[in-house]
Amino acid sequence: MQLEAEIRVDPARRADRFVERWNKLSGVADRAYVTGDVMARKSAQNEMAGMAKSLERDPQMESLLAARKVELGISIDTGRRLGAELAFNHGIDFGRGRGLAR
């Protein structure tokens, strides 16, 4: 319990946990895609979308993670905010489309 409190307070440890969780979910989504498990892939992508969207409310975390883009699977900088970049690079929809999705 004390470890969890320390992680919530220490921005660097929060960033480590974010990268670790993001990569785990990315792996789950990739494996689900390969096996054809649509529901598992959608579930993982929904969690990833929530994580990416949370960066909009946490500029400190976004700033720390900006230096770790490669670890998060971002190889080309497009100038987008990190949360939007994560969503774009991993094919995640934030739900703010043009109403064309099914």
N, C-alpha and C. Protein backbone atom coordinates (compact mmCIF):
# COMPACT_ATOMS: atom_id res chain seq x y z
N MET A 1 0.82 -1.18 0.00
CA MET A 1 0.00 0.00 0.00
C MET A 1 0.87 1.26 0.00
N GLN A 2 1.97 1.19 0.74
CA GLN A 2 2.88 2.33 0.77
C GLN A 2 3.52 2.52 -0.60
N LEU A 3 3.83 1.42 -1.27
CA LEU A 3 4.42 1.49 -2.62
C LEU A 3 3.47 2.21 -3.58
N GLU A 4 2.18 1.89 -3.50
CA GLU A 4 1.20 2.55 -4.36
C GLU A 4 1.15 4.05 -4.09
N ALA A 5 1.23 4.44 -2.83
CA ALA A 5 1.22 5.87 -2.48
C ALA A 5 2.46 6.55 -3.03
N GLU A 6 3.60 5.89 -2.95
CA GLU A 6 4.84 6.46 -3.48
C GLU A 6 4.76 6.63 -5.00
N ILE A 7 4.17 5.66 -5.66
CA ILE A 7 4.06 5.73 -7.12
C ILE A 7 3.15 6.89 -7.53
N ARG A 8 2.05 7.08 -6.79
CA ARG A 8 1.14 8.19 -7.11
C ARG A 8 1.81 9.54 -6.93
N VAL A 9 2.76 9.64 -5.99
CA VAL A 9 3.41 10.91 -5.69
C VAL A 9 4.60 11.17 -6.62
N ASP A 10 5.33 10.13 -6.98
CA ASP A 10 6.55 10.27 -7.78
C ASP A 10 6.22 10.24 -9.27
N PRO A 11 6.37 11.37 -9.96
CA PRO A 11 6.01 11.44 -11.38
C PRO A 11 6.80 10.45 -12.25
N ALA A 12 8.08 10.24 -11.95
CA ALA A 12 8.89 9.34 -12.76
C ALA A 12 8.38 7.90 -12.64
N ARG A 13 7.98 7.50 -11.46
CA ARG A 13 7.45 6.15 -11.25
C ARG A 13 6.08 6.00 -11.91
N ARG A 14 5.29 7.08 -11.88
CA ARG A 14 3.99 7.05 -12.57
C ARG A 14 4.22 6.87 -14.07
N ALA A 15 5.23 7.55 -14.60
CA ALA A 15 5.55 7.43 -16.03
C ALA A 15 6.00 6.00 -16.35
N ASP A 16 6.81 5.42 -15.48
CA ASP A 16 7.25 4.03 -15.68
C ASP A 16 6.06 3.09 -15.72
N ARG A 17 5.14 3.29 -14.80
CA ARG A 17 3.95 2.43 -14.74
C ARG A 17 3.08 2.62 -15.99
N PHE A 18 2.96 3.87 -16.46
CA PHE A 18 2.18 4.14 -17.66
C PHE A 18 2.77 3.39 -18.85
N VAL A 19 4.09 3.50 -19.04
CA VAL A 19 4.75 2.83 -20.17
C VAL A 19 4.58 1.32 -20.06
N GLU A 20 4.75 0.79 -18.87
CA GLU A 20 4.62 -0.65 -18.66
C GLU A 20 3.20 -1.12 -18.99
N ARG A 21 2.21 -0.42 -18.49
CA ARG A 21 0.82 -0.80 -18.73
C ARG A 21 0.45 -0.63 -20.20
N TRP A 22 0.92 0.46 -20.81
CA TRP A 22 0.62 0.71 -22.22
C TRP A 22 1.16 -0.41 -23.09
N ASN A 23 2.41 -0.80 -22.85
CA ASN A 23 3.03 -1.86 -23.65
C ASN A 23 2.34 -3.20 -23.43
N LYS A 24 1.91 -3.46 -22.20
CA LYS A 24 1.19 -4.71 -21.92
C LYS A 24 -0.12 -4.74 -22.69
N LEU A 25 -0.88 -3.64 -22.63
CA LEU A 25 -2.15 -3.58 -23.35
C LEU A 25 -1.95 -3.65 -24.86
N SER A 26 -0.89 -3.02 -25.34
CA SER A 26 -0.59 -3.07 -26.77
C SER A 26 -0.32 -4.51 -27.21
N GLY A 27 0.43 -5.24 -26.39
CA GLY A 27 0.69 -6.66 -26.67
C GLY A 27 -0.58 -7.48 -26.66
N VAL A 28 -1.45 -7.22 -25.70
CA VAL A 28 -2.73 -7.94 -25.62
C VAL A 28 -3.55 -7.66 -26.88
N ALA A 29 -3.61 -6.39 -27.28
CA ALA A 29 -4.38 -6.03 -28.48
C ALA A 29 -3.80 -6.69 -29.73
N ASP A 30 -2.48 -6.72 -29.84
CA ASP A 30 -1.85 -7.35 -31.00
C ASP A 30 -2.13 -8.85 -31.05
N ARG A 31 -1.99 -9.51 -29.89
CA ARG A 31 -2.26 -10.96 -29.85
C ARG A 31 -3.73 -11.25 -30.15
N ALA A 32 -4.61 -10.42 -29.65
CA ALA A 32 -6.04 -10.61 -29.91
C ALA A 32 -6.34 -10.44 -31.39
N TYR A 33 -5.67 -9.51 -32.04
CA TYR A 33 -5.85 -9.30 -33.47
C TYR A 33 -5.43 -10.54 -34.25
N VAL A 34 -4.26 -11.09 -33.88
CA VAL A 34 -3.73 -12.26 -34.57
C VAL A 34 -4.65 -13.46 -34.40
N THR A 35 -5.20 -13.62 -33.21
CA THR A 35 -6.07 -14.77 -32.94
C THR A 35 -7.52 -14.53 -33.37
N GLY A 36 -7.85 -13.32 -33.76
CA GLY A 36 -9.20 -13.01 -34.20
C GLY A 36 -10.18 -12.74 -33.08
N ASP A 37 -9.67 -12.48 -31.89
CA ASP A 37 -10.52 -12.20 -30.72
C ASP A 37 -10.88 -10.71 -30.72
N VAL A 38 -11.96 -10.38 -31.39
CA VAL A 38 -12.36 -8.99 -31.59
C VAL A 38 -12.69 -8.31 -30.26
N MET A 39 -13.38 -9.02 -29.38
CA MET A 39 -13.79 -8.43 -28.10
C MET A 39 -12.58 -8.11 -27.22
N ALA A 40 -11.60 -9.01 -27.16
CA ALA A 40 -10.40 -8.76 -26.35
C ALA A 40 -9.62 -7.59 -26.92
N ARG A 41 -9.54 -7.51 -28.24
CA ARG A 41 -8.82 -6.39 -28.86
C ARG A 41 -9.51 -5.07 -28.57
N LYS A 42 -10.82 -5.06 -28.70
CA LYS A 42 -11.58 -3.83 -28.45
C LYS A 42 -11.45 -3.41 -26.99
N SER A 43 -11.47 -4.37 -26.09
CA SER A 43 -11.32 -4.08 -24.66
C SER A 43 -9.96 -3.45 -24.36
N ALA A 44 -8.91 -4.04 -24.91
CA ALA A 44 -7.56 -3.50 -24.71
C ALA A 44 -7.45 -2.10 -25.31
N GLN A 45 -8.00 -1.92 -26.50
CA GLN A 45 -7.93 -0.61 -27.15
C GLN A 45 -8.74 0.43 -26.38
N ASN A 46 -9.86 0.03 -25.78
CA ASN A 46 -10.63 0.98 -24.97
C ASN A 46 -9.85 1.43 -23.75
N GLU A 47 -9.14 0.50 -23.11
CA GLU A 47 -8.30 0.88 -21.98
C GLU A 47 -7.17 1.81 -22.42
N MET A 48 -6.58 1.50 -23.58
CA MET A 48 -5.51 2.35 -24.10
C MET A 48 -6.04 3.74 -24.44
N ALA A 49 -7.24 3.81 -24.98
CA ALA A 49 -7.85 5.10 -25.30
C ALA A 49 -8.04 5.92 -24.03
N GLY A 50 -8.49 5.27 -22.97
CA GLY A 50 -8.65 5.96 -21.69
C GLY A 50 -7.34 6.48 -21.16
N MET A 51 -6.29 5.68 -21.31
CA MET A 51 -4.96 6.12 -20.86
C MET A 51 -4.49 7.32 -21.68
N ALA A 52 -4.65 7.25 -22.99
CA ALA A 52 -4.21 8.35 -23.86
C ALA A 52 -5.00 9.61 -23.55
N LYS A 53 -6.29 9.45 -23.33
CA LYS A 53 -7.15 10.60 -23.03
C LYS A 53 -6.79 11.21 -21.67
N SER A 54 -6.35 10.37 -20.72
CA SER A 54 -5.99 10.87 -19.39
C SER A 54 -4.82 11.84 -19.44
N LEU A 55 -4.01 11.73 -20.47
CA LEU A 55 -2.86 12.64 -20.59
C LEU A 55 -3.29 14.08 -20.83
N GLU A 56 -4.49 14.26 -21.38
CA GLU A 56 -5.00 15.63 -21.58
C GLU A 56 -5.19 16.33 -20.25
N ARG A 57 -5.48 15.56 -19.20
CA ARG A 57 -5.72 16.13 -17.87
C ARG A 57 -4.48 16.12 -16.99
N ASP A 58 -3.37 15.61 -17.50
CA ASP A 58 -2.15 15.49 -16.69
C ASP A 58 -0.94 15.96 -17.48
N PRO A 59 -0.75 17.29 -17.60
CA PRO A 59 0.35 17.81 -18.41
C PRO A 59 1.73 17.39 -17.90
N GLN A 60 1.86 17.19 -16.61
CA GLN A 60 3.15 16.76 -16.06
C GLN A 60 3.51 15.37 -16.59
N MET A 61 2.54 14.45 -16.58
CA MET A 61 2.79 13.10 -17.08
C MET A 61 3.06 13.15 -18.58
N GLU A 62 2.31 13.96 -19.30
CA GLU A 62 2.50 14.08 -20.74
C GLU A 62 3.91 14.57 -21.05
N SER A 63 4.38 15.51 -20.27
CA SER A 63 5.73 16.05 -20.46
C SER A 63 6.79 14.98 -20.20
N LEU A 64 6.61 14.21 -19.14
CA LEU A 64 7.57 13.14 -18.83
C LEU A 64 7.58 12.07 -19.90
N LEU A 65 6.41 11.74 -20.40
CA LEU A 65 6.31 10.67 -21.39
C LEU A 65 6.76 11.11 -22.78
N ALA A 66 6.79 12.41 -23.04
CA ALA A 66 7.19 12.91 -24.35
C ALA A 66 8.61 12.45 -24.69
N ALA A 67 9.45 12.33 -23.69
CA ALA A 67 10.83 11.88 -23.92
C ALA A 67 10.91 10.36 -24.11
N ARG A 68 9.81 9.67 -23.89
CA ARG A 68 9.81 8.20 -23.97
C ARG A 68 8.91 7.70 -25.09
N LYS A 69 8.76 8.51 -26.13
CA LYS A 69 7.86 8.16 -27.22
C LYS A 69 8.21 6.83 -27.88
N VAL A 70 9.49 6.57 -28.06
CA VAL A 70 9.90 5.33 -28.71
C VAL A 70 9.44 4.12 -27.90
N GLU A 71 9.54 4.21 -26.57
CA GLU A 71 9.08 3.12 -25.70
C GLU A 71 7.58 2.89 -25.83
N LEU A 72 6.85 3.92 -26.24
CA LEU A 72 5.40 3.83 -26.38
C LEU A 72 4.98 3.48 -27.80
N GLY A 73 5.94 3.23 -28.68
CA GLY A 73 5.63 2.81 -30.04
C GLY A 73 5.48 3.94 -31.03
N ILE A 74 5.96 5.13 -30.68
CA ILE A 74 5.87 6.28 -31.58
C ILE A 74 7.26 6.53 -32.18
N SER A 75 7.35 6.36 -33.49
CA SER A 75 8.66 6.52 -34.12
C SER A 75 8.80 7.82 -34.89
N ILE A 76 7.67 8.41 -35.29
CA ILE A 76 7.70 9.65 -36.06
C ILE A 76 6.91 10.71 -35.31
N ASP A 77 7.50 11.87 -35.15
CA ASP A 77 6.82 12.96 -34.45
C ASP A 77 6.00 13.76 -35.47
N THR A 78 4.70 13.82 -35.25
CA THR A 78 3.82 14.54 -36.17
C THR A 78 3.42 15.91 -35.63
N GLY A 79 3.83 16.22 -34.40
CA GLY A 79 3.48 17.50 -33.82
C GLY A 79 2.19 17.48 -33.01
N ARG A 80 1.52 16.33 -32.99
CA ARG A 80 0.30 16.21 -32.19
C ARG A 80 0.66 16.14 -30.71
N ARG A 81 -0.33 16.40 -29.87
CA ARG A 81 -0.14 16.18 -28.43
C ARG A 81 0.07 14.68 -28.23
N LEU A 82 0.75 14.31 -27.16
CA LEU A 82 1.13 12.91 -26.95
C LEU A 82 -0.08 11.98 -26.92
N GLY A 83 -1.13 12.35 -26.23
CA GLY A 83 -2.31 11.49 -26.17
C GLY A 83 -2.88 11.21 -27.54
N ALA A 84 -3.00 12.24 -28.37
CA ALA A 84 -3.50 12.08 -29.73
C ALA A 84 -2.54 11.26 -30.57
N GLU A 85 -1.26 11.45 -30.35
CA GLU A 85 -0.23 10.70 -31.08
C GLU A 85 -0.31 9.21 -30.75
N LEU A 86 -0.48 8.90 -29.47
CA LEU A 86 -0.62 7.50 -29.05
C LEU A 86 -1.84 6.87 -29.71
N ALA A 87 -2.95 7.56 -29.67
CA ALA A 87 -4.18 7.04 -30.26
C ALA A 87 -4.00 6.82 -31.77
N PHE A 88 -3.42 7.78 -32.44
CA PHE A 88 -3.22 7.69 -33.88
C PHE A 88 -2.31 6.52 -34.25
N ASN A 89 -1.18 6.39 -33.56
CA ASN A 89 -0.21 5.35 -33.87
C ASN A 89 -0.69 3.94 -33.56
N HIS A 90 -1.66 3.83 -32.70
CA HIS A 90 -2.16 2.50 -32.33
C HIS A 90 -3.58 2.25 -32.82
N GLY A 91 -4.05 3.11 -33.73
CA GLY A 91 -5.35 2.89 -34.35
C GLY A 91 -6.52 2.97 -33.38
N ILE A 92 -6.40 3.84 -32.40
CA ILE A 92 -7.45 3.97 -31.39
C ILE A 92 -8.29 5.20 -31.70
N ASP A 93 -9.59 5.03 -31.61
CA ASP A 93 -10.52 6.12 -31.86
C ASP A 93 -10.95 6.72 -30.52
N PHE A 94 -10.84 8.02 -30.38
CA PHE A 94 -11.27 8.71 -29.16
C PHE A 94 -12.79 8.88 -29.12
N GLY A 95 -13.46 8.51 -30.19
CA GLY A 95 -14.91 8.65 -30.21
C GLY A 95 -15.37 10.03 -30.65
N ARG A 96 -14.47 10.81 -31.20
CA ARG A 96 -14.83 12.13 -31.68
C ARG A 96 -14.80 12.17 -33.20
N GLY A 97 -15.32 11.12 -33.79
CA GLY A 97 -15.29 11.02 -35.24
C GLY A 97 -16.33 11.90 -35.90
N ARG A 98 -16.51 11.70 -37.16
CA ARG A 98 -17.45 12.50 -37.95
C ARG A 98 -18.77 11.79 -38.12
N GLY A 99 -18.99 10.76 -37.33
CA GLY A 99 -20.24 10.01 -37.43
C GLY A 99 -20.24 9.00 -38.56
N LEU A 100 -19.07 8.68 -39.09
CA LEU A 100 -18.97 7.76 -40.21
C LEU A 100 -18.68 6.33 -39.77
N ALA A 101 -18.28 6.16 -38.53
CA ALA A 101 -17.93 4.83 -38.04
C ALA A 101 -19.18 4.01 -37.80
N ARG A 102 -19.02 2.71 -37.89
CA ARG A 102 -20.17 1.83 -37.65
C ARG A 102 -20.15 1.29 -36.27
